Protein backbone atom coordinates (compact mmCIF):
# COMPACT_ATOMS: atom_id res chain seq x y z
CA UNK A 1 81.13 109.73 116.59
CA UNK A 2 83.01 106.55 115.89
CA UNK A 3 86.53 105.35 116.06
CA UNK A 4 88.29 102.17 114.83
CA UNK A 5 91.69 103.17 113.54
CA UNK A 6 93.66 103.46 116.81
CA UNK A 7 95.95 100.75 117.97
CA UNK A 8 95.26 99.88 121.64
CA UNK A 9 97.91 97.06 122.03
CA UNK A 10 100.26 99.05 124.41
CA UNK A 11 97.47 100.31 126.53
CA UNK A 12 95.96 96.79 126.99
CA UNK A 13 99.35 95.32 127.82
CA UNK A 14 100.11 98.04 130.40
CA UNK A 15 96.74 97.90 132.13
CA UNK A 16 97.34 94.32 133.01
CA UNK A 17 100.65 95.26 134.61
CA UNK A 18 98.92 98.05 136.64
CA UNK A 19 95.89 96.01 137.53
CA UNK A 20 94.44 97.08 140.91
CA UNK A 21 96.13 100.54 140.99
CA UNK A 22 94.19 103.82 140.58
CA UNK A 23 94.27 104.82 136.87
CA UNK A 24 92.82 107.33 134.42
CA UNK A 25 92.11 106.88 130.77
CA UNK A 26 92.54 109.68 128.25
CA UNK A 27 90.88 109.27 124.87
CA UNK A 28 90.87 111.33 121.69
CA UNK A 29 87.17 111.70 120.90
CA UNK A 30 87.25 114.28 118.06
CA UNK A 31 89.89 115.64 115.67
CA UNK A 32 90.10 118.39 113.04
CA UNK A 33 92.71 118.98 110.37
CA UNK A 34 96.16 117.67 111.01
CA UNK A 35 95.64 116.09 114.40
CA UNK A 36 98.60 113.95 115.29
CA UNK A 37 96.55 110.88 116.68
CA UNK A 38 93.46 109.29 115.31
CA UNK A 39 90.16 109.33 117.10
CA UNK A 40 90.00 106.57 119.62
CA UNK A 41 93.59 106.80 120.66
CA UNK A 42 94.28 106.25 124.35
CA UNK A 43 96.72 107.42 126.98
CA UNK A 44 96.72 105.43 130.31
CA UNK A 45 97.85 107.27 133.48
CA UNK A 46 98.90 105.58 136.73
CA UNK A 47 98.24 107.32 140.08
CA UNK A 48 101.98 107.70 140.65
CA UNK A 49 102.33 109.77 137.43
CA UNK A 50 103.59 107.09 135.08
CA UNK A 51 101.77 106.90 131.68
CA UNK A 52 101.79 105.05 128.43
CA UNK A 53 100.35 105.99 125.12
CA UNK A 54 99.82 109.42 123.67
CA UNK A 55 96.96 111.65 122.63
CA UNK A 56 98.89 114.28 120.71
CA UNK A 57 102.37 113.12 120.01
CA UNK A 58 103.73 115.14 123.01
CA UNK A 59 102.03 118.55 122.65
CA UNK A 60 99.39 118.36 125.39
CA UNK A 61 100.31 115.34 127.43
CA UNK A 62 101.62 117.44 130.34
CA UNK A 63 98.15 119.07 130.70
CA UNK A 64 96.41 115.75 130.33
CA UNK A 65 98.56 114.29 133.11
CA UNK A 66 97.42 117.06 135.37
CA UNK A 67 93.75 116.56 134.43
CA UNK A 68 94.15 112.82 135.04
CA UNK A 69 95.56 113.47 138.53
CA UNK A 70 92.50 115.50 139.30
CA UNK A 71 89.91 113.04 137.99
CA UNK A 72 91.53 110.26 139.97
CA UNK A 73 91.40 112.41 143.08
CA UNK A 74 87.74 113.33 142.55
CA UNK A 75 86.51 110.16 140.88
CA UNK A 76 85.30 112.20 137.92
CA UNK A 77 85.77 112.85 134.24
CA UNK A 78 86.72 115.87 132.17
CA UNK A 79 86.67 116.92 128.60
CA UNK A 80 89.20 119.31 127.20
CA UNK A 81 89.58 120.85 123.68
CA UNK A 82 93.04 121.73 122.44
CA UNK A 83 93.58 123.97 119.47
CA UNK A 84 96.57 125.93 118.00
CA UNK A 85 98.69 127.41 120.78
CA UNK A 86 99.57 131.18 120.88
CA UNK A 87 103.32 131.06 120.21
CA UNK A 88 103.69 134.15 122.38
CA UNK A 89 101.85 132.75 125.37
CA UNK A 90 102.33 129.93 127.78
CA UNK A 91 99.42 128.09 126.37
CA UNK A 92 98.89 124.33 125.87
CA UNK A 93 98.09 123.62 122.23
CA UNK A 94 98.86 121.89 118.96
CA UNK A 95 101.71 123.56 116.88
CA UNK A 96 100.73 121.22 113.98
CA UNK A 97 97.62 123.32 113.41
CA UNK A 98 95.06 120.71 114.29
CA UNK A 99 92.34 120.55 116.95
CA UNK A 100 91.47 117.63 119.26
CA UNK A 101 89.02 116.92 121.98
CA UNK A 102 90.26 114.69 124.74
CA UNK A 103 88.07 112.83 127.23
CA UNK A 104 89.79 111.87 130.61
CA UNK A 105 87.97 109.34 132.75
CA UNK A 106 88.65 107.85 136.14
CA UNK A 107 88.98 104.09 135.72
CA UNK A 108 86.08 103.26 138.13
CA UNK A 109 82.57 101.85 137.95
CA UNK A 110 81.22 105.37 137.55
CA UNK A 111 83.15 106.24 134.37
CA UNK A 112 85.34 103.59 132.67
CA UNK A 113 84.81 100.36 134.58
CA UNK A 114 88.02 98.30 134.91
CA UNK A 115 86.14 95.19 133.83
CA UNK A 116 85.87 96.72 130.31
CA UNK A 117 89.59 96.21 129.81
CA UNK A 118 89.11 92.44 130.55
CA UNK A 119 86.26 92.27 128.11
CA UNK A 120 88.36 93.92 125.43
CA UNK A 121 91.25 91.52 125.95
CA UNK A 122 88.94 88.53 125.90
CA UNK A 123 87.27 89.72 122.69
CA UNK A 124 90.57 90.20 120.99
CA UNK A 125 91.80 86.80 122.03
CA UNK A 126 88.87 85.24 120.26
CA UNK A 127 89.17 87.42 117.17
CA UNK A 128 86.09 89.52 117.88
CA UNK A 129 85.47 93.26 117.75
CA UNK A 130 84.17 94.82 120.88
CA UNK A 131 82.24 98.14 120.73
CA UNK A 132 82.27 100.53 123.73
CA UNK A 133 80.02 103.53 123.80
CA UNK A 134 80.67 106.58 126.04
CA UNK A 135 78.15 109.23 126.94
CA UNK A 136 80.14 112.45 126.80
CA UNK A 137 77.53 114.17 128.95
CA UNK A 138 78.06 111.80 131.87
CA UNK A 139 81.47 110.38 131.06
CA UNK A 140 80.22 106.79 131.51
CA UNK A 141 81.42 104.05 129.18
CA UNK A 142 79.77 100.64 128.62
CA UNK A 143 79.71 97.82 126.02
CA UNK A 144 77.10 98.52 123.28
CA UNK A 145 75.89 96.46 120.30
CA UNK A 146 75.42 99.19 117.73
CA UNK A 147 76.14 102.88 117.07
CA UNK A 148 74.02 105.05 119.39
CA UNK A 149 73.26 108.62 118.54
CA UNK A 150 75.00 111.09 120.88
CA UNK A 151 77.49 108.52 122.14
CA UNK A 152 81.24 108.26 121.27
CA UNK A 153 81.79 104.74 119.92
CA UNK A 154 85.21 103.16 120.08
CA UNK A 155 85.75 99.82 118.22
CA UNK A 156 88.35 97.59 119.65
CA UNK A 157 89.31 95.47 116.72
CA UNK A 158 91.07 92.02 116.76
CA UNK A 159 94.87 92.39 116.97
CA UNK A 160 96.88 92.82 113.79
CA UNK A 161 98.99 89.84 112.75
CA UNK A 162 101.89 89.33 110.45
CA UNK A 163 102.80 85.80 109.18
CA UNK A 164 106.30 85.76 107.79
CA UNK A 165 107.31 82.62 105.58
CA UNK A 166 111.12 82.15 105.56
CA UNK A 167 113.44 82.46 108.58
CA UNK A 168 115.91 84.69 106.84
CA UNK A 169 117.89 87.73 107.80
CA UNK A 170 115.11 90.08 106.69
CA UNK A 171 112.67 88.38 108.89
CA UNK A 172 114.72 89.25 111.99
CA UNK A 173 114.36 92.99 111.49
CA UNK A 174 110.78 92.89 110.03
CA UNK A 175 109.58 90.96 113.13
CA UNK A 176 111.16 93.54 115.48
CA UNK A 177 109.52 96.45 113.58
CA UNK A 178 106.18 94.69 113.56
CA UNK A 179 106.26 93.86 117.25
CA UNK A 180 107.16 97.49 118.03
CA UNK A 181 103.94 98.48 116.37
CA UNK A 182 101.93 95.97 118.36
CA UNK A 183 101.54 93.50 115.51
CA UNK A 184 101.70 89.82 116.49
CA UNK A 185 104.31 87.86 114.53
CA UNK A 186 104.41 84.21 113.56
CA UNK A 187 107.47 83.00 111.66
CA UNK A 188 106.93 79.91 109.47
CA UNK A 189 109.84 77.79 108.01
CA UNK A 190 110.02 74.00 107.80
CA UNK A 191 113.84 74.17 107.72
CA UNK A 192 115.03 73.39 111.26
CA UNK A 193 118.51 75.00 110.83
CA UNK A 194 116.86 78.26 109.87
CA UNK A 195 114.04 78.40 112.39
CA UNK A 196 115.96 78.37 115.68
CA UNK A 197 115.34 80.03 119.11
CA UNK A 198 118.83 81.54 118.89
CA UNK A 199 118.03 83.37 115.67
CA UNK A 200 114.49 84.32 116.56
CA UNK A 201 113.97 84.25 120.24
CA UNK A 202 111.00 86.63 120.58
CA UNK A 203 108.53 85.49 117.94
CA UNK A 204 106.13 82.51 117.56
CA UNK A 205 107.88 79.80 115.41
CA UNK A 206 106.03 77.35 113.31
CA UNK A 207 107.96 74.56 111.57
CA UNK A 208 105.05 73.15 109.54
CA UNK A 209 105.02 73.43 105.77
CA UNK A 210 103.89 76.93 105.01
CA UNK A 211 100.68 76.07 103.21
CA UNK A 212 99.59 73.83 106.19
CA UNK A 213 100.65 76.54 108.69
CA UNK A 214 98.79 79.35 106.85
CA UNK A 215 95.58 77.47 106.67
CA UNK A 216 95.81 76.48 110.40
CA UNK A 217 96.53 80.07 111.50
CA UNK A 218 93.28 81.27 109.86
CA UNK A 219 94.40 84.63 108.47
CA UNK A 220 91.72 87.33 108.40
CA UNK A 221 91.42 90.89 107.24
CA UNK A 222 93.71 92.01 110.10
CA UNK A 223 96.53 89.69 108.85
CA UNK A 224 99.48 90.31 106.54
CA UNK A 225 101.36 87.51 104.89
CA UNK A 226 104.87 87.94 103.53
CA UNK A 227 106.95 85.38 101.73
CA UNK A 228 110.72 85.72 102.25
CA UNK A 229 112.30 82.29 101.68
CA UNK A 230 113.07 82.98 97.99
CA UNK A 231 112.58 79.27 97.45
CA UNK A 232 109.62 78.44 95.07
CA UNK A 233 109.10 75.09 96.84
CA UNK A 234 108.24 77.08 100.11
CA UNK A 235 106.82 80.28 98.75
CA UNK A 236 104.57 79.08 96.01
CA UNK A 237 102.51 76.70 98.14
CA UNK A 238 102.39 79.39 100.82
CA UNK A 239 101.08 81.89 98.32
CA UNK A 240 98.33 79.52 97.20
CA UNK A 241 97.20 79.13 100.76
CA UNK A 242 97.45 82.86 101.48
CA UNK A 243 95.28 83.66 98.44
CA UNK A 244 92.47 81.57 99.81
CA UNK A 245 92.23 83.82 102.79
CA UNK A 246 90.88 87.46 103.21
CA UNK A 247 94.36 88.69 104.39
CA UNK A 248 94.89 92.41 104.05
CA UNK A 249 98.38 92.17 102.56
CA UNK A 250 100.05 89.35 100.59
CA UNK A 251 103.59 89.91 99.34
CA UNK A 252 106.65 88.12 98.10
CA UNK A 253 110.29 88.95 98.01
CA UNK A 254 112.06 89.05 94.69
CA UNK A 255 112.82 91.23 91.71
CA UNK A 256 110.27 92.23 89.11
CA UNK A 257 111.53 89.44 86.75
CA UNK A 258 111.45 86.82 89.40
CA UNK A 259 107.89 87.90 90.22
CA UNK A 260 106.94 87.41 86.59
CA UNK A 261 108.19 83.92 86.76
CA UNK A 262 106.38 83.36 89.96
CA UNK A 263 103.11 84.41 88.48
CA UNK A 264 103.68 81.98 85.55
CA UNK A 265 104.21 79.11 87.99
CA UNK A 266 101.15 80.08 90.05
CA UNK A 267 99.03 80.33 86.88
CA UNK A 268 99.89 76.75 86.02
CA UNK A 269 98.71 75.83 89.58
CA UNK A 270 95.37 77.25 88.76
CA UNK A 271 95.67 80.71 90.41
CA UNK A 272 93.43 83.33 88.65
CA UNK A 273 94.69 86.68 87.44
CA UNK A 274 92.43 88.39 90.11
CA UNK A 275 94.25 86.41 92.77
CA UNK A 276 97.65 87.13 91.31
CA UNK A 277 96.90 90.84 91.37
CA UNK A 278 96.61 90.62 95.19
CA UNK A 279 100.25 89.73 95.54
CA UNK A 280 102.65 92.64 95.95
CA UNK A 281 105.84 91.71 94.21
CA UNK A 282 108.38 92.88 94.80
CA UNK A 283 107.26 93.19 98.42
CA UNK A 284 107.12 96.52 100.14
CA UNK A 285 107.25 100.30 99.37
CA UNK A 286 109.95 101.46 96.99
CA UNK A 287 112.59 103.30 99.11
CA UNK A 288 115.72 102.21 97.17
CA UNK A 289 116.37 99.66 99.92
CA UNK A 290 119.69 97.77 99.74
CA UNK A 291 120.51 96.09 103.09
CA UNK A 292 118.32 93.46 104.77
CA UNK A 293 117.31 95.88 107.43
CA UNK A 294 116.26 98.47 104.76
CA UNK A 295 114.28 95.85 102.83
CA UNK A 296 112.54 94.89 106.08
CA UNK A 297 111.64 98.61 106.67
CA UNK A 298 110.16 98.87 103.11
CA UNK A 299 108.17 95.69 103.68
CA UNK A 300 106.90 97.00 107.06
CA UNK A 301 105.76 100.14 105.26
CA UNK A 302 103.74 98.04 102.79
CA UNK A 303 102.10 96.17 105.69
CA UNK A 304 101.15 99.44 107.47
CA UNK A 305 99.86 100.92 104.20
CA UNK A 306 97.57 97.87 103.69
CA UNK A 307 96.31 97.79 107.26
CA UNK A 308 95.47 101.54 107.27
CA UNK A 309 93.99 101.75 103.81
CA UNK A 310 90.69 103.57 104.10
CA UNK A 311 91.08 104.30 107.84
CA UNK A 312 91.77 108.03 107.41
């Protein structure tokens, strides 16, 4: 059993805030049919009852909290299967029709060692994937190098990133949506009047020319790059640099006609047809967006679609 689609950003952030306190970790280890959360999803529970994350979207969290309280008290682990609830009974279940298996471990040396969280955070900071295997018979988790038969494998992938070129109004909403999903945002714009702390207080700001910035940021397959400046002097050079990378999503703002002109300009710069086909233009998913916020939402949907392609 192997997982790799879950986003662990919130859990890893919270575990640092709760460091030293008794905790339990709940993990979705199997799913069937229309399960609301992917395999590998976590829910972290504090000894005082606080929790972050979700294993079912709200259906079974109350029961998981009670199990977490028990495993913290006993220094133990538990596995619970949840299926469709009987609508006429007070039974915990999934009204969506799916089935899930949830593992709940005490965060301790015997089950999920707290040091594993630090190892995950260090691996992500260096852009590496860390693989943790759990023996479901004993409830013990440890770092592994490969898939091991009979163990549940959870891959903790490098964090997802979004590079936005162009400090325009759309970028303000797009960066907020991305950060809410645990995606790290870097905003690139060489225009000092656009790229200010007042306008964008909560993102990394980079005032280099976009092609230089993109190459220095080393985009990988967990990176999306979106051009929003609408200025060919800025966007075209940035696109050329982005297309040199394995970025998961490359998109540029503009109408269909402006995108055709863009492709003509890039062709003259030596960009191949195969490379041009990687650019989504106009950027985003078609939702009849009109306002800047709606356009940002459509672009965010395009980013998510690219990141999750093939994961389900």
